[in-house]
Amino acid sequence: MAGAFKSENPFFVIVLQPSHVHGNKLSVPMNFARKYLTMMHKKVIHLLSDGNSWPVIYDPRFEWSYVFLCNGWHRFAVDNNLEVGDVCVFELTGGIETSMKVTIYKKQAIEDENLG
């Protein structure tokens, strides 16, 4: 299902691991961050899902070759009942503030579709 995702906006896909679900940060793919996020002046990204918004801190450490979404990521994960194996599509959107629309594909729904 997530593989069929299409958008005119830049996006990346993450299959959630235990560190994403139980930890306080999510790694952003470096190639995506370098291409689309290096010019950001704000350190806050709003994650949008089901009509709600969660502010998270964007923490670029290009000199160490990693970028995280943190300080708010755990609240997003809990509020959206994210589980290991769920797939999230993070779509960069425009607007007044930098935001990412997050489309969540639940692991159980993916397994059910694969069986059907």
Protein backbone atom coordinates (compact mmCIF):
# COMPACT_ATOMS: atom_id res chain seq x y z
CA MET A 1 0.00 0.00 0.00
CA ALA A 2 2.71 2.47 0.97
CA GLY A 3 4.62 1.51 -2.17
CA ALA A 4 1.74 2.84 -4.25
CA PHE A 5 1.92 6.27 -2.57
CA LYS A 6 2.23 9.09 -5.11
CA SER A 7 2.68 12.81 -4.55
CA GLU A 8 3.96 15.88 -6.34
CA ASN A 9 5.64 16.85 -3.05
CA PRO A 10 8.91 15.35 -1.84
CA PHE A 11 8.44 12.44 0.56
CA PHE A 12 10.22 9.58 2.28
CA VAL A 13 8.98 6.29 3.70
CA ILE A 14 9.96 4.72 7.02
CA VAL A 15 9.09 1.25 8.32
CA LEU A 16 8.93 1.80 12.06
CA GLN A 17 11.46 -0.03 14.21
CA PRO A 18 11.40 -0.44 18.02
CA SER A 19 13.67 2.60 18.47
CA HIS A 20 11.20 4.75 16.51
CA VAL A 21 8.15 3.60 18.47
CA HIS A 22 9.64 3.48 21.97
CA GLY A 23 12.33 6.14 21.62
CA ASN A 24 12.19 9.89 21.42
CA LYS A 25 13.52 10.46 17.92
CA LEU A 26 13.19 9.41 14.30
CA SER A 27 16.06 9.44 11.81
CA VAL A 28 15.38 11.29 8.57
CA PRO A 29 17.07 9.79 5.50
CA MET A 30 20.20 11.84 4.88
CA ASN A 31 19.67 12.16 1.12
CA PHE A 32 16.18 13.63 1.74
CA ALA A 33 17.44 16.00 4.44
CA ARG A 34 20.34 17.28 2.32
CA LYS A 35 18.11 17.84 -0.71
CA TYR A 36 15.03 19.37 0.93
CA LEU A 37 15.78 20.49 4.48
CA THR A 38 19.19 22.18 4.42
CA MET A 39 17.73 25.64 3.79
CA MET A 40 15.32 25.50 6.72
CA HIS A 41 15.59 28.47 9.02
CA LYS A 42 13.22 27.15 11.66
CA LYS A 43 14.03 24.22 13.86
CA VAL A 44 10.39 23.17 14.19
CA ILE A 45 8.50 20.95 11.76
CA HIS A 46 4.80 20.31 12.23
CA LEU A 47 3.74 16.71 11.66
CA LEU A 48 0.18 16.60 10.34
CA SER A 49 -2.09 13.57 10.64
CA ASP A 50 -5.87 13.18 10.80
CA GLY A 51 -6.42 16.92 11.04
CA ASN A 52 -4.07 17.37 14.00
CA SER A 53 -0.63 18.95 14.25
CA TRP A 54 2.37 18.02 16.42
CA PRO A 55 5.40 20.31 16.61
CA VAL A 56 8.69 18.41 16.58
CA ILE A 57 12.25 19.65 16.64
CA TYR A 58 14.27 19.20 13.48
CA ASP A 59 17.84 18.45 14.61
CA PRO A 60 20.31 18.50 11.71
CA ARG A 61 23.78 17.17 12.39
CA PHE A 62 25.12 17.16 8.84
CA GLU A 63 28.69 17.19 10.13
CA TRP A 64 27.94 13.83 11.78
CA SER A 65 25.80 12.60 8.88
CA TYR A 66 22.48 12.28 10.65
CA VAL A 67 19.27 14.23 11.03
CA PHE A 68 16.57 13.58 13.61
CA LEU A 69 13.02 14.57 14.36
CA CYS A 70 12.94 14.74 18.16
CA ASN A 71 11.35 16.65 21.09
CA GLY A 72 7.79 15.90 20.08
CA TRP A 73 8.30 12.76 18.04
CA HIS A 74 7.42 10.46 20.95
CA ARG A 75 4.15 12.35 21.59
CA PHE A 76 3.27 11.97 17.89
CA ALA A 77 4.01 8.24 18.03
CA VAL A 78 1.92 7.72 21.17
CA ASP A 79 -1.01 9.86 20.01
CA ASN A 80 -1.15 7.97 16.71
CA ASN A 81 -0.78 4.51 18.31
CA LEU A 82 2.26 3.75 16.18
CA GLU A 83 3.60 0.20 16.38
CA VAL A 84 6.66 -1.63 15.16
CA GLY A 85 6.11 -2.54 11.50
CA ASP A 86 3.77 0.35 10.72
CA VAL A 87 4.80 2.31 7.64
CA CYS A 88 4.83 6.11 7.67
CA VAL A 89 5.07 8.32 4.61
CA PHE A 90 6.43 11.79 5.45
CA GLU A 91 5.39 14.28 2.76
CA LEU A 92 6.94 17.74 2.84
CA THR A 93 4.25 20.38 2.40
CA GLY A 94 4.36 24.13 1.99
CA GLY A 95 2.56 26.77 3.91
CA ILE A 96 3.45 29.41 6.44
CA GLU A 97 5.32 26.93 8.61
CA THR A 98 7.30 23.93 7.51
CA SER A 99 5.18 20.85 7.85
CA MET A 100 5.07 17.21 6.86
CA LYS A 101 1.86 15.36 6.23
CA VAL A 102 2.24 11.88 7.67
CA THR A 103 0.28 9.04 6.09
CA ILE A 104 0.23 5.99 8.36
CA TYR A 105 -0.20 2.46 7.07
CA LYS A 106 -0.83 0.15 10.00
CA LYS A 107 1.12 -3.12 9.99
CA GLN A 108 -2.05 -5.17 10.53
CA ALA A 109 -3.80 -3.56 7.55
CA ILE A 110 -0.76 -4.22 5.35
CA GLU A 111 -0.68 -7.89 6.45
CA ASP A 112 -4.42 -8.24 5.84
CA GLU A 113 -4.10 -6.78 2.34
CA ASN A 114 -1.20 -9.12 1.53
CA LEU A 115 -3.33 -12.11 2.58
CA GLY A 116 -6.35 -10.95 0.58
